[in-house]
Amino acid sequence: MSKKTGRCTNTGCVNADKQKKLDSRFGFCPLCGARLTSVCAKCGTALEEGQKLLCPACAEAKQEKQAKTRRAVKAASTGVISAGLIAASVLTGGKEKK
């Protein structure tokens, strides 16, 4: 989902009828030559001026997913560190090195 996508604005075009997502690097439909409208790369919603690749709803969902993943990784790494400390304590008999 790294490239910007567009949709044909010509209602008579096959691409517009199928609501096919097109690469909008060139800005025009390859079949009919009509100008492309920028759309969300994930859900296909028309984007307003200034929005990059995702609509606000998809961008928020992506941020929530990333935050959830970060929390899970942090919790897992904390558990691994704790298990390592417990294992080290058991192996040394609970005695600390001086």
C-alpha atoms as a PDB file:
ATOM      1  CA  MET A   1       0.000   0.000   0.000  1.00  0.00           C
ATOM      2  CA  SER A   2       2.806   2.364  -0.641  1.00  0.00           C
ATOM      3  CA  LYS A   3       1.599   3.835  -3.922  1.00  0.00           C
ATOM      4  CA  LYS A   4      -1.123   6.412  -4.378  1.00  0.00           C
ATOM      5  CA  THR A   5      -4.235   5.117  -6.120  1.00  0.00           C
ATOM      6  CA  GLY A   6      -6.952   6.841  -8.082  1.00  0.00           C
ATOM      7  CA  ARG A   7     -10.307   6.189  -9.682  1.00  0.00           C
ATOM      8  CA  CYS A   8     -11.559   7.294 -13.103  1.00  0.00           C
ATOM      9  CA  THR A   9     -14.076  10.182 -13.026  1.00  0.00           C
ATOM     10  CA  ASN A  10     -15.624   9.381 -16.451  1.00  0.00           C
ATOM     11  CA  THR A  11     -18.955   7.639 -15.755  1.00  0.00           C
ATOM     12  CA  GLY A  12     -18.921   5.998 -19.207  1.00  0.00           C
ATOM     13  CA  CYS A  13     -15.500   4.378 -18.753  1.00  0.00           C
ATOM     14  CA  VAL A  14     -15.091   0.657 -18.021  1.00  0.00           C
ATOM     15  CA  ASN A  15     -12.635   1.467 -15.232  1.00  0.00           C
ATOM     16  CA  ALA A  16     -15.171   3.779 -13.566  1.00  0.00           C
ATOM     17  CA  ASP A  17     -17.955   1.183 -13.870  1.00  0.00           C
ATOM     18  CA  LYS A  18     -15.793  -1.462 -12.187  1.00  0.00           C
ATOM     19  CA  GLN A  19     -14.523   1.138  -9.665  1.00  0.00           C
ATOM     20  CA  LYS A  20     -11.052  -0.168 -10.438  1.00  0.00           C
ATOM     21  CA  LYS A  21      -8.187   1.371  -8.453  1.00  0.00           C
ATOM     22  CA  LEU A  22      -5.528   2.751 -10.770  1.00  0.00           C
ATOM     23  CA  ASP A  23      -1.966   3.960 -10.219  1.00  0.00           C
ATOM     24  CA  SER A  24      -2.379   7.725 -10.052  1.00  0.00           C
ATOM     25  CA  ARG A  25       1.239   8.662 -10.815  1.00  0.00           C
ATOM     26  CA  PHE A  26       0.146  10.018 -14.159  1.00  0.00           C
ATOM     27  CA  GLY A  27      -3.212  11.455 -13.079  1.00  0.00           C
ATOM     28  CA  PHE A  28      -5.249  10.196 -16.036  1.00  0.00           C
ATOM     29  CA  CYS A  29      -7.183   7.016 -16.875  1.00  0.00           C
ATOM     30  CA  PRO A  30      -5.248   4.785 -19.313  1.00  0.00           C
ATOM     31  CA  LEU A  31      -8.436   3.874 -21.240  1.00  0.00           C
ATOM     32  CA  CYS A  32     -10.369   7.125 -21.654  1.00  0.00           C
ATOM     33  CA  GLY A  33      -7.918   9.852 -20.574  1.00  0.00           C
ATOM     34  CA  ALA A  34     -10.191  11.331 -17.874  1.00  0.00           C
ATOM     35  CA  ARG A  35      -8.639  12.822 -14.752  1.00  0.00           C
ATOM     36  CA  LEU A  36      -8.301  10.435 -11.798  1.00  0.00           C
ATOM     37  CA  THR A  37      -9.693  11.157  -8.336  1.00  0.00           C
ATOM     38  CA  SER A  38      -7.439  10.157  -5.414  1.00  0.00           C
ATOM     39  CA  VAL A  39      -8.856   7.316  -3.314  1.00  0.00           C
ATOM     40  CA  CYS A  40      -7.875   5.567  -0.077  1.00  0.00           C
ATOM     41  CA  ALA A  41      -5.449   2.729  -0.815  1.00  0.00           C
ATOM     42  CA  LYS A  42      -7.248   0.446   1.635  1.00  0.00           C
ATOM     43  CA  CYS A  43     -11.018   1.063   1.358  1.00  0.00           C
ATOM     44  CA  GLY A  44     -11.357   3.115  -1.845  1.00  0.00           C
ATOM     45  CA  THR A  45     -13.031   6.167  -0.271  1.00  0.00           C
ATOM     46  CA  ALA A  46     -12.422   9.404  -2.174  1.00  0.00           C
ATOM     47  CA  LEU A  47      -9.673  11.457  -0.531  1.00  0.00           C
ATOM     48  CA  GLU A  48      -9.880  15.161   0.104  1.00  0.00           C
ATOM     49  CA  GLU A  49      -7.097  17.617  -0.691  1.00  0.00           C
ATOM     50  CA  GLY A  50      -4.071  17.160   1.569  1.00  0.00           C
ATOM     51  CA  GLN A  51      -4.717  13.516   2.472  1.00  0.00           C
ATOM     52  CA  LYS A  52      -1.904  11.216   1.413  1.00  0.00           C
ATOM     53  CA  LEU A  53      -2.685   7.494   1.021  1.00  0.00           C
ATOM     54  CA  LEU A  54      -5.358   6.628   3.586  1.00  0.00           C
ATOM     55  CA  CYS A  55      -8.698   8.139   4.580  1.00  0.00           C
ATOM     56  CA  PRO A  56      -8.995   9.323   8.214  1.00  0.00           C
ATOM     57  CA  ALA A  57     -10.842   6.149   9.293  1.00  0.00           C
ATOM     58  CA  CYS A  58      -8.221   3.789   7.809  1.00  0.00           C
ATOM     59  CA  ALA A  59      -5.345   5.934   9.113  1.00  0.00           C
ATOM     60  CA  GLU A  60      -6.814   5.809  12.636  1.00  0.00           C
ATOM     61  CA  ALA A  61      -7.333   2.037  12.419  1.00  0.00           C
ATOM     62  CA  LYS A  62      -3.716   1.635  11.277  1.00  0.00           C
ATOM     63  CA  GLN A  63      -2.428   3.732  14.196  1.00  0.00           C
ATOM     64  CA  GLU A  64      -4.533   1.716  16.685  1.00  0.00           C
ATOM     65  CA  LYS A  65      -3.174  -1.539  15.260  1.00  0.00           C
ATOM     66  CA  GLN A  66       0.411  -0.254  15.518  1.00  0.00           C
ATOM     67  CA  ALA A  67      -0.161   0.877  19.126  1.00  0.00           C
ATOM     68  CA  LYS A  68      -1.645  -2.524  20.012  1.00  0.00           C
ATOM     69  CA  THR A  69       1.355  -4.278  18.461  1.00  0.00           C
ATOM     70  CA  ARG A  70       3.782  -2.047  20.382  1.00  0.00           C
ATOM     71  CA  ARG A  71       1.994  -2.821  23.661  1.00  0.00           C
ATOM     72  CA  ALA A  72       2.102  -6.563  22.939  1.00  0.00           C
ATOM     73  CA  VAL A  73       5.817  -6.473  22.099  1.00  0.00           C
ATOM     74  CA  LYS A  74       6.552  -4.448  25.226  1.00  0.00           C
ATOM     75  CA  ALA A  75       4.602  -6.891  27.406  1.00  0.00           C
ATOM     76  CA  ALA A  76       6.301  -9.895  25.820  1.00  0.00           C
ATOM     77  CA  SER A  77       9.779  -8.427  26.203  1.00  0.00           C
ATOM     78  CA  THR A  78       9.081  -7.582  29.851  1.00  0.00           C
ATOM     79  CA  GLY A  79       8.023 -11.201  30.413  1.00  0.00           C
ATOM     80  CA  VAL A  80      11.168 -12.543  28.760  1.00  0.00           C
ATOM     81  CA  ILE A  81      13.412 -10.291  30.852  1.00  0.00           C
ATOM     82  CA  SER A  82      11.607 -11.339  34.045  1.00  0.00           C
ATOM     83  CA  ALA A  83      11.933 -15.017  33.115  1.00  0.00           C
ATOM     84  CA  GLY A  84      15.636 -14.514  32.451  1.00  0.00           C
ATOM     85  CA  LEU A  85      16.167 -12.883  35.840  1.00  0.00           C
ATOM     86  CA  ILE A  86      14.299 -15.689  37.591  1.00  0.00           C
ATOM     87  CA  ALA A  87      16.321 -18.330  35.728  1.00  0.00           C
ATOM     88  CA  ALA A  88      19.575 -16.585  36.621  1.00  0.00           C
ATOM     89  CA  SER A  89      18.515 -16.423  40.245  1.00  0.00           C
ATOM     90  CA  VAL A  90      17.678 -20.133  40.299  1.00  0.00           C
ATOM     91  CA  LEU A  91      20.953 -21.083  38.615  1.00  0.00           C
ATOM     92  CA  THR A  92      23.043 -19.064  41.058  1.00  0.00           C
ATOM     93  CA  GLY A  93      21.109 -20.351  44.034  1.00  0.00           C
ATOM     94  CA  GLY A  94      19.700 -16.924  44.822  1.00  0.00           C
ATOM     95  CA  LYS A  95      23.152 -15.558  45.653  1.00  0.00           C
ATOM     96  CA  GLU A  96      24.346 -12.291  44.109  1.00  0.00           C
ATOM     97  CA  LYS A  97      27.828 -11.854  42.729  1.00  0.00           C
ATOM     98  CA  LYS A  98      30.144  -9.483  44.533  1.00  0.00           C
END
